[in-house]
Structure formats: structure tokens, C-alpha cells
C-alpha atoms as a PDB file:
ATOM      1  CA  MET A   1      26.290  11.201 -52.893  1.00  0.00           C
ATOM      2  CA  ALA A   2      28.359  14.140 -51.706  1.00  0.00           C
ATOM      3  CA  ASN A   3      30.749  13.760 -48.809  1.00  0.00           C
ATOM      4  CA  PRO A   4      28.488  13.048 -45.788  1.00  0.00           C
ATOM      5  CA  ALA A   5      31.020  14.583 -43.416  1.00  0.00           C
ATOM      6  CA  ARG A   6      30.526  18.008 -45.039  1.00  0.00           C
ATOM      7  CA  GLY A   7      26.792  17.795 -44.429  1.00  0.00           C
ATOM      8  CA  LEU A   8      27.365  16.841 -40.809  1.00  0.00           C
ATOM      9  CA  GLU A   9      29.900  19.639 -40.435  1.00  0.00           C
ATOM     10  CA  SER A  10      27.424  22.169 -41.787  1.00  0.00           C
ATOM     11  CA  LYS A  11      24.753  21.001 -39.350  1.00  0.00           C
ATOM     12  CA  ALA A  12      27.203  20.860 -36.439  1.00  0.00           C
ATOM     13  CA  LEU A  13      28.334  24.446 -37.016  1.00  0.00           C
ATOM     14  CA  LYS A  14      24.725  25.590 -36.582  1.00  0.00           C
ATOM     15  CA  LEU A  15      24.581  24.127 -33.060  1.00  0.00           C
ATOM     16  CA  SER A  16      24.933  26.292 -29.987  1.00  0.00           C
ATOM     17  CA  ARG A  17      28.438  26.854 -28.627  1.00  0.00           C
ATOM     18  CA  ARG A  18      27.758  24.477 -25.746  1.00  0.00           C
ATOM     19  CA  ASP A  19      26.445  21.715 -28.037  1.00  0.00           C
ATOM     20  CA  ARG A  20      29.407  22.144 -30.428  1.00  0.00           C
ATOM     21  CA  ALA A  21      31.824  21.827 -27.502  1.00  0.00           C
ATOM     22  CA  ARG A  22      30.053  18.715 -26.244  1.00  0.00           C
ATOM     23  CA  LEU A  23      30.074  17.173 -29.719  1.00  0.00           C
ATOM     24  CA  ALA A  24      33.738  18.019 -30.235  1.00  0.00           C
ATOM     25  CA  GLN A  25      34.645  16.424 -26.916  1.00  0.00           C
ATOM     26  CA  ARG A  26      32.748  13.248 -27.740  1.00  0.00           C
ATOM     27  CA  LEU A  27      34.260  13.005 -31.210  1.00  0.00           C
ATOM     28  CA  LEU A  28      37.782  13.529 -29.922  1.00  0.00           C
ATOM     29  CA  SER A  29      37.372  11.006 -27.140  1.00  0.00           C
ATOM     30  CA  SER A  30      36.078   8.454 -29.636  1.00  0.00           C
ATOM     31  CA  LEU A  31      39.365   8.627 -31.553  1.00  0.00           C
ATOM     32  CA  ASP A  32      41.470   7.244 -28.756  1.00  0.00           C
ATOM     33  CA  GLN A  33      39.698   5.389 -26.000  1.00  0.00           C
ATOM     34  CA  GLU A  34      43.031   4.604 -24.337  1.00  0.00           C
ATOM     35  CA  ALA A  35      44.299   8.178 -24.076  1.00  0.00           C
ATOM     36  CA  ASP A  36      46.526   9.229 -21.232  1.00  0.00           C
ATOM     37  CA  GLY A  37      44.405   9.441 -18.088  1.00  0.00           C
ATOM     38  CA  ASP A  38      45.884  12.816 -17.179  1.00  0.00           C
ATOM     39  CA  ALA A  39      45.315  14.298 -20.622  1.00  0.00           C
ATOM     40  CA  GLU A  40      41.657  15.140 -20.064  1.00  0.00           C
ATOM     41  CA  GLN A  41      42.407  16.958 -16.802  1.00  0.00           C
ATOM     42  CA  LEU A  42      45.321  18.816 -18.388  1.00  0.00           C
ATOM     43  CA  TRP A  43      43.173  19.914 -21.336  1.00  0.00           C
ATOM     44  CA  LEU A  44      40.433  21.062 -18.972  1.00  0.00           C
ATOM     45  CA  GLU A  45      42.946  23.130 -17.010  1.00  0.00           C
ATOM     46  CA  GLU A  46      44.302  24.611 -20.255  1.00  0.00           C
ATOM     47  CA  ALA A  47      40.805  25.480 -21.443  1.00  0.00           C
ATOM     48  CA  GLU A  48      40.029  27.155 -18.126  1.00  0.00           C
ATOM     49  CA  ARG A  49      43.321  29.096 -18.274  1.00  0.00           C
ATOM     50  CA  ARG A  50      42.535  30.313 -21.788  1.00  0.00           C
ATOM     51  CA  LEU A  51      38.985  31.242 -20.835  1.00  0.00           C
ATOM     52  CA  GLY A  52      40.376  33.279 -17.961  1.00  0.00           C
ATOM     53  CA  GLN A  53      42.676  35.106 -20.377  1.00  0.00           C
ATOM     54  CA  LEU A  54      39.769  35.878 -22.687  1.00  0.00           C
ATOM     55  CA  LYS A  55      37.600  37.148 -19.856  1.00  0.00           C
ATOM     56  CA  SER A  56      40.387  39.310 -18.421  1.00  0.00           C
ATOM     57  CA  GLY A  57      41.213  40.807 -21.819  1.00  0.00           C
ATOM     58  CA  LYS A  58      44.749  39.395 -21.853  1.00  0.00           C
ATOM     59  CA  ALA A  59      43.826  37.431 -24.987  1.00  0.00           C
ATOM     60  CA  VAL A  60      41.537  38.263 -27.880  1.00  0.00           C
ATOM     61  CA  GLY A  61      39.467  35.609 -29.587  1.00  0.00           C
ATOM     62  CA  ILE A  62      39.226  35.042 -33.310  1.00  0.00           C
ATOM     63  CA  PRO A  63      35.755  34.392 -34.772  1.00  0.00           C
ATOM     64  CA  ALA A  64      35.288  30.717 -35.704  1.00  0.00           C
ATOM     65  CA  GLU A  65      34.271  31.640 -39.243  1.00  0.00           C
ATOM     66  CA  LYS A  66      37.609  33.378 -39.806  1.00  0.00           C
ATOM     67  CA  VAL A  67      39.586  30.445 -38.385  1.00  0.00           C
ATOM     68  CA  ILE A  68      37.673  27.900 -40.474  1.00  0.00           C
ATOM     69  CA  LYS A  69      38.086  29.987 -43.629  1.00  0.00           C
ATOM     70  CA  LYS A  70      41.842  30.242 -43.059  1.00  0.00           C
ATOM     71  CA  ALA A  71      42.133  26.506 -42.294  1.00  0.00           C
ATOM     72  CA  ARG A  72      40.233  25.580 -45.438  1.00  0.00           C
ATOM     73  CA  SER A  73      42.339  27.850 -47.617  1.00  0.00           C
ATOM     74  CA  THR A  74      45.517  26.428 -46.084  1.00  0.00           C
ATOM     75  CA  LEU A  75      44.393  22.850 -46.728  1.00  0.00           C
ATOM     76  CA  ARG A  76      43.627  23.490 -50.404  1.00  0.00           C
END
């Protein structure tokens, strides 16, 4: 059987932005159940800061497809 993670990745990328974010958060938190207690709050603040930059036009987003394509080519 092919790599099951690739199949899951393909399905996950078809989810809505909100569902992908929720899934990503759950997957990341499952990696280290004993993470620094302040880390989650700090990441939330960073995410909110970045969102503010995007909304104000101070930062420009890069489409996920472009980022994933570049990451895959770098990893090969």
C-alpha cells in the first residue's frame, strides 16, 4: 500500500481553512503533551499579530499551494 500519510494529507488539504487549522493544532499538540504552558498563548498572540499584519496590508500572504510546492521541491 502507498504511504497512508500522503492520502491523509491530500484529504486534509481539501478541508476548509478553519478545519485545516483545527486539525493542525490537534496534530501539533499531540506531538508534545508536556509542552511549555506559555507556548500556546505565545503562539496565539503571534498568530493574531500576523493576522493583523495581513489585514492591514503590512504583510502579503503566499498561497498555500506555492509554499507546499516549494517545500516539496526543497525536500527532494
